[in-house]
Amino acid sequence: MNKLFLLFPMFLATAFAQVVYILPQLAEQGYDPLNPAALGHPVITNKTTSKGSILSQFTVTNYSSKTVASIEYGWRVSAPSACSESTLPVHWETATVKVTIAPGTKAEIAASDALSRAGSAKELADEARANNTPVVLVTVGILKATYRDRSAWRDREALKRNIFDDGRAEKKEACPSSMRPRWTPAPAAGPS
C-alpha cells in the first residue's frame, strides 16, 4: 500500500504534463517550388532532425549564378500568434558557416550546437511549458550569402527585424484549444 501511495504523485505529474509540439520551419524567402530557378539566391530547401535535437542539419540549394563561399543563417524561436496565452520570449540567434556551393547545387549544413545538441528539444519544451506555450516554432533561414567574388545576397527584413517572411509561420500556425492546458497555471509565489 505504501508503494502505491508513493507512485500516485508521479502518476499525476506525468498524466497531467502539458504536451509541447516543437515545429522546425524553413523560411520561404521568396522560394516558389513551381519555379525555384527564378529565386536567384540560395535558400534552405530541406531539414533533418534527430532524436533529442531541434534540428540536426539542413540543405542549402544555390539558385544563384555565383558560387557561395559562406552562409550566415538565423533561427527564430517563437509561439504562433494564435497562442495568445503564451509568455514564451522570442529567441533570435545566428551562425555563420564557410561553404562552397556551386550554382545549381546543394550542400548539407550541420546545424549549430544550440539546435543540434542532444537534449536541446527537451530544454526548449521545458521552457515552453513554463511559459504556457503548447506549440513552439523554430524558423530557420538564410540571413546573408557571401559569394566567391565577395558580393552578397541579404534578407534585409530578417536582418533588420529578426523575423522571416513577415512572420508567415507565426501567423499561419494554429494553437488548437485541445493543445492548451485545461487549467489555469498557479500564480508565481513572490513578496506580498
N, C-alpha and C. Protein backbone atom coordinates (compact mmCIF):
# COMPACT_ATOMS: atom_id res chain seq x y z
N MET A 1 0.81 -1.18 0.00
CA MET A 1 0.00 0.00 0.00
C MET A 1 0.87 1.26 0.00
N ASN A 2 1.94 1.27 0.80
CA ASN A 2 2.83 2.43 0.84
C ASN A 2 3.48 2.69 -0.51
N LYS A 3 3.86 1.63 -1.24
CA LYS A 3 4.48 1.80 -2.56
C LYS A 3 3.50 2.44 -3.52
N LEU A 4 2.24 2.01 -3.48
CA LEU A 4 1.23 2.58 -4.35
C LEU A 4 1.03 4.06 -4.03
N PHE A 5 1.02 4.41 -2.76
CA PHE A 5 0.85 5.80 -2.33
C PHE A 5 2.00 6.66 -2.86
N LEU A 6 3.23 6.14 -2.86
CA LEU A 6 4.39 6.89 -3.34
C LEU A 6 4.35 7.06 -4.86
N LEU A 7 3.79 6.14 -5.59
CA LEU A 7 3.73 6.23 -7.05
C LEU A 7 2.64 7.18 -7.53
N PHE A 8 1.61 7.41 -6.71
CA PHE A 8 0.48 8.23 -7.13
C PHE A 8 0.89 9.65 -7.54
N PRO A 9 1.73 10.40 -6.79
CA PRO A 9 2.14 11.74 -7.23
C PRO A 9 2.90 11.71 -8.56
N MET A 10 3.74 10.69 -8.78
CA MET A 10 4.47 10.58 -10.03
C MET A 10 3.48 10.38 -11.18
N PHE A 11 2.45 9.55 -10.97
CA PHE A 11 1.45 9.32 -11.99
C PHE A 11 0.74 10.63 -12.33
N LEU A 12 0.37 11.40 -11.31
CA LEU A 12 -0.30 12.67 -11.55
C LEU A 12 0.58 13.63 -12.33
N ALA A 13 1.84 13.67 -11.99
CA ALA A 13 2.77 14.58 -12.67
C ALA A 13 2.90 14.21 -14.14
N THR A 14 2.98 12.92 -14.45
CA THR A 14 3.13 12.53 -15.85
C THR A 14 1.80 12.56 -16.58
N ALA A 15 0.70 12.25 -15.91
CA ALA A 15 -0.59 12.22 -16.57
C ALA A 15 -1.07 13.62 -16.96
N PHE A 16 -0.68 14.64 -16.21
CA PHE A 16 -1.17 15.97 -16.47
C PHE A 16 -0.11 16.92 -17.04
N ALA A 17 1.04 16.38 -17.43
CA ALA A 17 2.08 17.22 -18.01
C ALA A 17 1.60 17.76 -19.36
N GLN A 18 1.86 19.01 -19.61
CA GLN A 18 1.46 19.64 -20.86
C GLN A 18 2.35 19.14 -22.00
N VAL A 19 1.73 18.74 -23.08
CA VAL A 19 2.46 18.31 -24.27
C VAL A 19 2.89 19.56 -25.03
N VAL A 20 4.13 19.57 -25.51
CA VAL A 20 4.64 20.70 -26.29
C VAL A 20 5.05 20.17 -27.66
N TYR A 21 4.58 20.85 -28.69
CA TYR A 21 4.93 20.49 -30.06
C TYR A 21 5.98 21.49 -30.55
N ILE A 22 7.15 20.97 -30.94
CA ILE A 22 8.21 21.81 -31.49
C ILE A 22 8.21 21.59 -33.00
N LEU A 23 8.00 22.67 -33.75
CA LEU A 23 7.85 22.58 -35.19
C LEU A 23 8.96 23.35 -35.90
N PRO A 24 10.02 22.66 -36.34
CA PRO A 24 11.04 23.34 -37.15
C PRO A 24 10.44 23.74 -38.50
N GLN A 25 10.64 24.99 -38.89
CA GLN A 25 10.10 25.55 -40.13
C GLN A 25 11.25 26.09 -40.97
N LEU A 26 11.07 26.06 -42.29
CA LEU A 26 12.04 26.67 -43.19
C LEU A 26 11.46 27.99 -43.68
N ALA A 27 12.25 29.04 -43.60
CA ALA A 27 11.81 30.34 -44.14
C ALA A 27 11.66 30.19 -45.65
N GLU A 28 10.59 30.77 -46.20
CA GLU A 28 10.37 30.67 -47.65
C GLU A 28 11.30 31.58 -48.42
N GLN A 29 11.49 32.79 -47.98
CA GLN A 29 12.40 33.77 -48.57
C GLN A 29 12.23 33.89 -50.08
N GLY A 30 10.98 33.88 -50.54
CA GLY A 30 10.69 34.03 -51.96
C GLY A 30 10.70 32.74 -52.76
N TYR A 31 10.97 31.61 -52.11
CA TYR A 31 11.05 30.33 -52.80
C TYR A 31 9.69 29.91 -53.34
N ASP A 32 9.64 29.54 -54.60
CA ASP A 32 8.44 29.03 -55.25
C ASP A 32 8.76 27.65 -55.80
N PRO A 33 8.21 26.58 -55.21
CA PRO A 33 8.56 25.23 -55.66
C PRO A 33 8.21 24.96 -57.12
N LEU A 34 7.29 25.75 -57.69
CA LEU A 34 6.94 25.58 -59.10
C LEU A 34 7.93 26.27 -60.03
N ASN A 35 8.70 27.21 -59.50
CA ASN A 35 9.68 27.93 -60.30
C ASN A 35 10.89 28.33 -59.44
N PRO A 36 11.62 27.35 -58.91
CA PRO A 36 12.71 27.67 -57.98
C PRO A 36 13.86 28.45 -58.63
N ALA A 37 14.11 28.23 -59.92
CA ALA A 37 15.23 28.90 -60.58
C ALA A 37 15.04 30.41 -60.63
N ALA A 38 13.80 30.89 -60.55
CA ALA A 38 13.52 32.33 -60.58
C ALA A 38 13.98 33.03 -59.31
N LEU A 39 14.31 32.29 -58.29
CA LEU A 39 14.67 32.85 -57.00
C LEU A 39 15.93 33.72 -57.07
N GLY A 40 16.99 33.20 -57.64
CA GLY A 40 18.21 33.98 -57.81
C GLY A 40 19.13 34.07 -56.62
N HIS A 41 18.87 33.35 -55.54
CA HIS A 41 19.75 33.34 -54.38
C HIS A 41 19.62 31.99 -53.69
N PRO A 42 20.54 31.66 -52.78
CA PRO A 42 20.45 30.38 -52.06
C PRO A 42 19.27 30.39 -51.07
N VAL A 43 18.74 29.22 -50.81
CA VAL A 43 17.64 29.08 -49.87
C VAL A 43 17.73 27.70 -49.21
N ILE A 44 17.22 27.59 -47.99
CA ILE A 44 17.19 26.29 -47.31
C ILE A 44 16.00 25.52 -47.86
N THR A 45 16.25 24.32 -48.37
CA THR A 45 15.20 23.55 -49.03
C THR A 45 14.82 22.26 -48.33
N ASN A 46 15.56 21.87 -47.31
CA ASN A 46 15.25 20.62 -46.61
C ASN A 46 15.85 20.67 -45.21
N LYS A 47 15.27 19.89 -44.30
CA LYS A 47 15.79 19.84 -42.93
C LYS A 47 15.77 18.41 -42.44
N THR A 48 16.66 18.12 -41.48
CA THR A 48 16.75 16.81 -40.87
C THR A 48 16.80 17.00 -39.36
N THR A 49 16.03 16.22 -38.66
CA THR A 49 16.09 16.25 -37.20
C THR A 49 16.53 14.88 -36.71
N SER A 50 17.11 14.86 -35.55
CA SER A 50 17.48 13.59 -34.92
C SER A 50 16.89 13.58 -33.52
N LYS A 51 16.77 12.41 -32.97
CA LYS A 51 16.13 12.26 -31.67
C LYS A 51 16.81 13.14 -30.62
N GLY A 52 16.00 13.93 -29.95
CA GLY A 52 16.51 14.77 -28.87
C GLY A 52 16.99 16.14 -29.31
N SER A 53 17.09 16.36 -30.63
CA SER A 53 17.55 17.68 -31.10
C SER A 53 16.40 18.42 -31.77
N ILE A 54 16.55 19.70 -31.91
CA ILE A 54 15.56 20.53 -32.59
C ILE A 54 15.75 20.41 -34.09
N LEU A 55 17.00 20.49 -34.53
CA LEU A 55 17.34 20.41 -35.96
C LEU A 55 18.79 19.97 -36.05
N SER A 56 19.07 18.89 -36.77
CA SER A 56 20.44 18.40 -36.83
C SER A 56 21.20 18.92 -38.06
N GLN A 57 20.51 19.02 -39.19
CA GLN A 57 21.16 19.59 -40.38
C GLN A 57 20.10 20.09 -41.34
N PHE A 58 20.55 20.87 -42.32
CA PHE A 58 19.64 21.37 -43.34
C PHE A 58 20.37 21.45 -44.67
N THR A 59 19.59 21.49 -45.74
CA THR A 59 20.14 21.54 -47.09
C THR A 59 19.97 22.95 -47.64
N VAL A 60 21.05 23.50 -48.17
CA VAL A 60 21.00 24.79 -48.85
C VAL A 60 21.16 24.52 -50.35
N THR A 61 20.20 25.03 -51.12
CA THR A 61 20.26 24.91 -52.58
C THR A 61 20.60 26.29 -53.13
N ASN A 62 21.62 26.34 -54.00
CA ASN A 62 22.08 27.61 -54.57
C ASN A 62 21.38 27.86 -55.90
N TYR A 63 20.40 28.74 -55.91
CA TYR A 63 19.67 29.09 -57.13
C TYR A 63 20.27 30.32 -57.81
N SER A 64 21.44 30.78 -57.34
CA SER A 64 22.09 31.93 -57.97
C SER A 64 23.03 31.45 -59.08
N SER A 65 23.61 32.41 -59.79
CA SER A 65 24.57 32.08 -60.85
C SER A 65 26.01 32.18 -60.36
N LYS A 66 26.20 32.36 -59.04
CA LYS A 66 27.53 32.51 -58.46
C LYS A 66 27.78 31.42 -57.44
N THR A 67 29.06 31.14 -57.17
CA THR A 67 29.43 30.16 -56.15
C THR A 67 29.37 30.81 -54.77
N VAL A 68 28.68 30.15 -53.85
CA VAL A 68 28.54 30.65 -52.48
C VAL A 68 29.77 30.24 -51.67
N ALA A 69 30.35 31.19 -50.94
CA ALA A 69 31.54 30.93 -50.12
C ALA A 69 31.22 30.83 -48.63
N SER A 70 30.16 31.53 -48.19
CA SER A 70 29.75 31.42 -46.78
C SER A 70 28.26 31.75 -46.65
N ILE A 71 27.69 31.17 -45.62
CA ILE A 71 26.27 31.37 -45.32
C ILE A 71 26.15 31.83 -43.87
N GLU A 72 25.46 32.94 -43.66
CA GLU A 72 25.06 33.32 -42.31
C GLU A 72 23.57 32.99 -42.21
N TYR A 73 23.23 32.13 -41.27
CA TYR A 73 21.83 31.76 -41.12
C TYR A 73 21.36 32.11 -39.73
N GLY A 74 20.07 32.20 -39.58
CA GLY A 74 19.49 32.54 -38.29
C GLY A 74 18.31 31.66 -38.00
N TRP A 75 17.94 31.62 -36.72
CA TRP A 75 16.73 30.89 -36.34
C TRP A 75 15.99 31.70 -35.30
N ARG A 76 14.68 31.66 -35.46
CA ARG A 76 13.78 32.40 -34.58
C ARG A 76 12.90 31.39 -33.85
N VAL A 77 12.94 31.43 -32.54
CA VAL A 77 12.11 30.56 -31.70
C VAL A 77 10.96 31.43 -31.20
N SER A 78 9.73 31.01 -31.49
CA SER A 78 8.57 31.80 -31.12
C SER A 78 7.34 30.91 -31.00
N ALA A 79 6.28 31.49 -30.48
CA ALA A 79 4.99 30.82 -30.42
C ALA A 79 4.12 31.36 -31.55
N PRO A 80 3.19 30.56 -32.06
CA PRO A 80 2.26 31.09 -33.06
C PRO A 80 1.44 32.24 -32.48
N SER A 81 1.03 33.17 -33.32
CA SER A 81 0.21 34.30 -32.87
C SER A 81 -1.08 33.81 -32.21
N ALA A 82 -1.59 32.67 -32.66
CA ALA A 82 -2.84 32.12 -32.13
C ALA A 82 -2.70 31.66 -30.67
N CYS A 83 -1.50 31.46 -30.20
CA CYS A 83 -1.28 31.04 -28.80
C CYS A 83 -1.24 32.30 -27.93
N SER A 84 -2.40 32.91 -27.76
CA SER A 84 -2.47 34.21 -27.09
C SER A 84 -2.09 34.16 -25.61
N GLU A 85 -2.13 32.99 -25.00
CA GLU A 85 -1.78 32.88 -23.58
C GLU A 85 -0.29 32.60 -23.36
N SER A 86 0.45 32.46 -24.44
CA SER A 86 1.87 32.16 -24.33
C SER A 86 2.66 33.35 -23.81
N THR A 87 3.62 33.06 -22.96
CA THR A 87 4.55 34.08 -22.48
C THR A 87 5.99 33.74 -22.89
N LEU A 88 6.12 32.83 -23.86
CA LEU A 88 7.45 32.43 -24.33
C LEU A 88 8.15 33.61 -24.98
N PRO A 89 9.32 33.99 -24.47
CA PRO A 89 10.05 35.09 -25.12
C PRO A 89 10.60 34.63 -26.47
N VAL A 90 10.60 35.54 -27.43
CA VAL A 90 11.15 35.23 -28.75
C VAL A 90 12.67 35.16 -28.63
N HIS A 91 13.26 34.12 -29.22
CA HIS A 91 14.72 33.98 -29.27
C HIS A 91 15.16 34.18 -30.71
N TRP A 92 16.27 34.83 -30.91
CA TRP A 92 16.84 35.03 -32.25
C TRP A 92 18.33 34.78 -32.14
N GLU A 93 18.83 33.81 -32.91
CA GLU A 93 20.25 33.51 -32.89
C GLU A 93 20.75 33.34 -34.31
N THR A 94 22.06 33.48 -34.49
CA THR A 94 22.67 33.35 -35.81
C THR A 94 23.95 32.53 -35.74
N ALA A 95 24.35 32.04 -36.89
CA ALA A 95 25.62 31.33 -37.03
C ALA A 95 26.11 31.52 -38.46
N THR A 96 27.41 31.41 -38.66
CA THR A 96 28.00 31.53 -39.99
C THR A 96 28.82 30.29 -40.28
N VAL A 97 28.71 29.79 -41.50
CA VAL A 97 29.48 28.62 -41.92
C VAL A 97 30.16 28.90 -43.26
N LYS A 98 31.39 28.45 -43.38
CA LYS A 98 32.12 28.52 -44.65
C LYS A 98 31.67 27.32 -45.48
N VAL A 99 31.34 27.57 -46.73
CA VAL A 99 30.88 26.51 -47.64
C VAL A 99 31.40 26.79 -49.05
N THR A 100 31.25 25.82 -49.90
CA THR A 100 31.44 26.02 -51.33
C THR A 100 30.25 25.36 -52.00
N ILE A 101 29.35 26.21 -52.52
CA ILE A 101 28.15 25.70 -53.19
C ILE A 101 28.11 26.32 -54.58
N ALA A 102 28.40 25.50 -55.58
CA ALA A 102 28.38 25.96 -56.97
C ALA A 102 26.95 26.27 -57.39
N PRO A 103 26.79 27.09 -58.43
CA PRO A 103 25.44 27.39 -58.92
C PRO A 103 24.68 26.10 -59.27
N GLY A 104 23.42 26.04 -58.84
CA GLY A 104 22.57 24.90 -59.15
C GLY A 104 22.83 23.65 -58.34
N THR A 105 23.67 23.74 -57.31
CA THR A 105 23.97 22.56 -56.50
C THR A 105 23.49 22.77 -55.06
N LYS A 106 23.60 21.69 -54.27
CA LYS A 106 23.15 21.70 -52.89
C LYS A 106 24.30 21.37 -51.96
N ALA A 107 24.15 21.76 -50.70
CA ALA A 107 25.12 21.40 -49.66
C ALA A 107 24.36 21.12 -48.37
N GLU A 108 24.82 20.10 -47.65
CA GLU A 108 24.27 19.78 -46.33
C GLU A 108 25.06 20.59 -45.30
N ILE A 109 24.36 21.28 -44.44
CA ILE A 109 24.98 22.10 -43.41
C ILE A 109 24.60 21.53 -42.04
N ALA A 110 25.59 21.26 -41.21
CA ALA A 110 25.31 20.81 -39.84
C ALA A 110 24.81 22.01 -39.06
N ALA A 111 23.69 21.85 -38.38
CA ALA A 111 23.10 22.95 -37.60
C ALA A 111 23.97 23.29 -36.40
N SER A 112 23.83 24.50 -35.94
CA SER A 112 24.53 24.97 -34.76
C SER A 112 24.26 24.03 -33.59
N ASP A 113 25.21 23.98 -32.67
CA ASP A 113 25.08 23.13 -31.49
C ASP A 113 23.82 23.48 -30.68
N ALA A 114 23.42 24.74 -30.69
CA ALA A 114 22.22 25.14 -29.95
C ALA A 114 20.97 24.42 -30.47
N LEU A 115 20.97 24.06 -31.75
CA LEU A 115 19.85 23.35 -32.35
C LEU A 115 20.06 21.84 -32.40
N SER A 116 21.29 21.41 -32.62
CA SER A 116 21.56 20.00 -32.89
C SER A 116 21.96 19.17 -31.68
N ARG A 117 22.31 19.82 -30.60
CA ARG A 117 22.76 19.11 -29.40
C ARG A 117 21.66 18.20 -28.88
N ALA A 118 22.02 16.98 -28.50
CA ALA A 118 21.07 16.07 -27.87
C ALA A 118 20.54 16.73 -26.60
N GLY A 119 19.25 16.73 -26.43
CA GLY A 119 18.64 17.36 -25.27
C GLY A 119 18.13 18.76 -25.54
N SER A 120 18.49 19.36 -26.68
CA SER A 120 18.04 20.73 -26.96
C SER A 120 16.53 20.80 -27.10
N ALA A 121 15.90 19.77 -27.65
CA ALA A 121 14.44 19.77 -27.78
C ALA A 121 13.77 19.71 -26.41
N LYS A 122 14.30 18.91 -25.51
CA LYS A 122 13.73 18.80 -24.16
C LYS A 122 13.86 20.13 -23.42
N GLU A 123 15.01 20.77 -23.54
CA GLU A 123 15.21 22.06 -22.88
C GLU A 123 14.22 23.10 -23.38
N LEU A 124 14.00 23.12 -24.70
CA LEU A 124 13.05 24.06 -25.27
C LEU A 124 11.62 23.72 -24.84
N ALA A 125 11.29 22.44 -24.80
CA ALA A 125 9.96 22.02 -24.35
C ALA A 125 9.73 22.42 -22.89
N ASP A 126 10.75 22.27 -22.05
CA ASP A 126 10.63 22.67 -20.64
C ASP A 126 10.38 24.18 -20.52
N GLU A 127 11.12 24.96 -21.32
CA GLU A 127 10.92 26.41 -21.30
C GLU A 127 9.52 26.76 -21.80
N ALA A 128 9.05 26.07 -22.82
CA ALA A 128 7.71 26.33 -23.36
C ALA A 128 6.63 26.01 -22.32
N ARG A 129 6.78 24.89 -21.64
CA ARG A 129 5.81 24.52 -20.59
C ARG A 129 5.76 25.59 -19.50
N ALA A 130 6.92 26.07 -19.11
CA ALA A 130 7.00 27.09 -18.06
C ALA A 130 6.38 28.41 -18.52
N ASN A 131 6.23 28.59 -19.83
CA ASN A 131 5.68 29.82 -20.39
C ASN A 131 4.33 29.61 -21.07
N ASN A 132 3.63 28.53 -20.67
CA ASN A 132 2.28 28.26 -21.15
C ASN A 132 2.20 28.25 -22.68
N THR A 133 3.14 27.55 -23.31
CA THR A 133 3.23 27.53 -24.76
C THR A 133 3.19 26.09 -25.28
N PRO A 134 2.05 25.67 -25.84
CA PRO A 134 1.93 24.29 -26.32
C PRO A 134 2.57 24.05 -27.68
N VAL A 135 2.80 25.11 -28.46
CA VAL A 135 3.39 24.97 -29.79
C VAL A 135 4.55 25.96 -29.91
N VAL A 136 5.72 25.45 -30.32
CA VAL A 136 6.89 26.30 -30.49
C VAL A 136 7.36 26.18 -31.94
N LEU A 137 7.54 27.30 -32.59
CA LEU A 137 8.06 27.34 -33.95
C LEU A 137 9.54 27.68 -33.91
N VAL A 138 10.32 26.96 -34.68
CA VAL A 138 11.74 27.27 -34.84
C VAL A 138 11.94 27.48 -36.34
N THR A 139 11.94 28.75 -36.74
CA THR A 139 12.03 29.09 -38.16
C THR A 139 13.49 29.38 -38.51
N VAL A 140 14.01 28.66 -39.50
CA VAL A 140 15.41 28.77 -39.91
C VAL A 140 15.47 29.35 -41.33
N GLY A 141 16.36 30.31 -41.53
CA GLY A 141 16.52 30.90 -42.86
C GLY A 141 17.90 31.49 -43.04
N ILE A 142 18.19 31.88 -44.27
CA ILE A 142 19.48 32.48 -44.61
C ILE A 142 19.39 33.99 -44.43
N LEU A 143 20.34 34.53 -43.69
CA LEU A 143 20.41 35.98 -43.49
C LEU A 143 21.28 36.62 -44.56
N LYS A 144 22.41 35.96 -44.85
CA LYS A 144 23.36 36.52 -45.81
C LYS A 144 24.12 35.39 -46.49
N ALA A 145 24.21 35.47 -47.79
CA ALA A 145 25.04 34.55 -48.56
C ALA A 145 26.15 35.38 -49.20
N THR A 146 27.39 35.05 -48.89
CA THR A 146 28.53 35.74 -49.49
C THR A 146 29.07 34.85 -50.59
N TYR A 147 29.22 35.45 -51.77
CA TYR A 147 29.68 34.70 -52.94
C TYR A 147 31.21 34.76 -53.03
N ARG A 148 31.76 33.88 -53.83
CA ARG A 148 33.21 33.81 -54.00
C ARG A 148 33.79 35.14 -54.48
N ASP A 149 33.01 35.91 -55.30
CA ASP A 149 33.51 37.20 -55.80
C ASP A 149 33.32 38.33 -54.77
N ARG A 150 32.95 37.99 -53.55
CA ARG A 150 32.77 38.88 -52.40
C ARG A 150 31.48 39.71 -52.45
N SER A 151 30.66 39.52 -53.46
CA SER A 151 29.34 40.16 -53.45
C SER A 151 28.46 39.34 -52.50
N ALA A 152 27.29 39.85 -52.18
CA ALA A 152 26.45 39.14 -51.20
C ALA A 152 24.97 39.35 -51.49
N TRP A 153 24.18 38.37 -51.10
CA TRP A 153 22.73 38.50 -51.06
C TRP A 153 22.34 38.57 -49.59
N ARG A 154 21.41 39.46 -49.25
CA ARG A 154 20.97 39.61 -47.86
C ARG A 154 19.45 39.57 -47.80
N ASP A 155 18.92 38.96 -46.75
CA ASP A 155 17.50 39.05 -46.45
C ASP A 155 17.36 40.25 -45.54
N ARG A 156 17.08 41.39 -46.12
CA ARG A 156 17.07 42.65 -45.38
C ARG A 156 16.02 42.66 -44.26
N GLU A 157 14.86 42.06 -44.52
CA GLU A 157 13.83 42.01 -43.49
C GLU A 157 14.32 41.22 -42.27
N ALA A 158 14.91 40.06 -42.51
CA ALA A 158 15.39 39.23 -41.40
C ALA A 158 16.50 39.94 -40.64
N LEU A 159 17.40 40.59 -41.36
CA LEU A 159 18.50 41.29 -40.70
C LEU A 159 18.00 42.50 -39.90
N LYS A 160 17.01 43.19 -40.41
CA LYS A 160 16.52 44.40 -39.74
C LYS A 160 15.52 44.09 -38.62
N ARG A 161 14.61 43.13 -38.85
CA ARG A 161 13.50 42.91 -37.91
C ARG A 161 13.60 41.59 -37.13
N ASN A 162 14.62 40.77 -37.40
CA ASN A 162 14.76 39.47 -36.73
C ASN A 162 13.51 38.61 -36.91
N ILE A 163 13.01 38.58 -38.15
CA ILE A 163 11.84 37.77 -38.49
C ILE A 163 11.96 37.38 -39.95
N PHE A 164 11.40 36.23 -40.31
CA PHE A 164 11.42 35.77 -41.70
C PHE A 164 10.02 35.87 -42.30
N ASP A 165 9.96 36.19 -43.58
CA ASP A 165 8.71 36.14 -44.35
C ASP A 165 7.57 36.91 -43.69
N ASP A 166 7.88 38.06 -43.09
CA ASP A 166 6.88 38.89 -42.42
C ASP A 166 6.08 38.09 -41.39
N GLY A 167 6.73 37.15 -40.72
CA GLY A 167 6.07 36.37 -39.68
C GLY A 167 5.08 35.34 -40.19
N ARG A 168 5.24 34.89 -41.43
CA ARG A 168 4.33 33.92 -42.04
C ARG A 168 4.08 32.72 -41.15
N ALA A 169 5.14 32.13 -40.60
CA ALA A 169 5.00 30.92 -39.77
C ALA A 169 4.16 31.20 -38.53
N GLU A 170 4.42 32.33 -37.87
CA GLU A 170 3.67 32.67 -36.66
C GLU A 170 2.19 32.92 -36.96
N LYS A 171 1.91 33.55 -38.11
CA LYS A 171 0.53 33.85 -38.48
C LYS A 171 -0.23 32.62 -38.96
N LYS A 172 0.47 31.71 -39.62
CA LYS A 172 -0.17 30.55 -40.24
C LYS A 172 -0.45 29.42 -39.25
N GLU A 173 0.45 29.17 -38.34
CA GLU A 173 0.34 28.01 -37.45
C GLU A 173 -0.75 28.23 -36.40
N ALA A 174 -1.51 27.19 -36.16
CA ALA A 174 -2.61 27.26 -35.20
C ALA A 174 -2.14 26.92 -33.79
N CYS A 175 -2.98 27.19 -32.85
CA CYS A 175 -2.77 26.82 -31.46
C CYS A 175 -4.10 26.25 -30.98
N PRO A 176 -4.44 25.04 -31.41
CA PRO A 176 -5.75 24.47 -31.09
C PRO A 176 -6.01 24.44 -29.59
N SER A 177 -7.26 24.65 -29.24
CA SER A 177 -7.63 24.66 -27.82
C SER A 177 -7.36 23.31 -27.17
N SER A 178 -7.39 22.24 -27.96
CA SER A 178 -7.10 20.92 -27.39
C SER A 178 -5.64 20.80 -26.96
N MET A 179 -4.78 21.70 -27.44
CA MET A 179 -3.37 21.66 -27.08
C MET A 179 -3.09 22.56 -25.89
N ARG A 180 -4.03 23.40 -25.51
CA ARG A 180 -3.83 24.30 -24.37
C ARG A 180 -4.09 23.55 -23.08
N PRO A 181 -3.44 23.95 -22.01
CA PRO A 181 -3.71 23.29 -20.73
C PRO A 181 -5.16 23.51 -20.33
N ARG A 182 -5.72 22.56 -19.61
CA ARG A 182 -7.12 22.64 -19.21
C ARG A 182 -7.29 23.31 -17.85
N TRP A 183 -6.25 23.89 -17.32
CA TRP A 183 -6.33 24.55 -16.02
C TRP A 183 -5.49 25.81 -16.08
N THR A 184 -5.80 26.71 -15.20
CA THR A 184 -5.03 27.95 -15.12
C THR A 184 -3.78 27.68 -14.29
N PRO A 185 -2.61 28.08 -14.81
CA PRO A 185 -1.39 27.86 -14.03
C PRO A 185 -1.46 28.61 -12.71
N ALA A 186 -0.84 28.03 -11.70
CA ALA A 186 -0.79 28.68 -10.39
C ALA A 186 0.05 29.93 -10.48
N PRO A 187 -0.35 30.99 -9.79
CA PRO A 187 0.46 32.22 -9.82
C PRO A 187 1.81 31.98 -9.14
N ALA A 188 2.79 32.69 -9.62
CA ALA A 188 4.13 32.58 -9.03
C ALA A 188 4.10 33.16 -7.62
N ALA A 189 4.78 32.48 -6.73
CA ALA A 189 4.86 32.98 -5.35
C ALA A 189 5.88 34.10 -5.31
N GLY A 190 5.59 35.11 -4.62
CA GLY A 190 6.53 36.23 -4.53
C GLY A 190 6.21 37.07 -3.32
N PRO A 191 6.94 38.15 -3.14
CA PRO A 191 6.69 39.02 -1.99
C PRO A 191 5.30 39.63 -2.08
N SER A 192 4.66 39.79 -0.95
CA SER A 192 3.31 40.37 -0.92
C SER A 192 3.35 41.86 -0.82
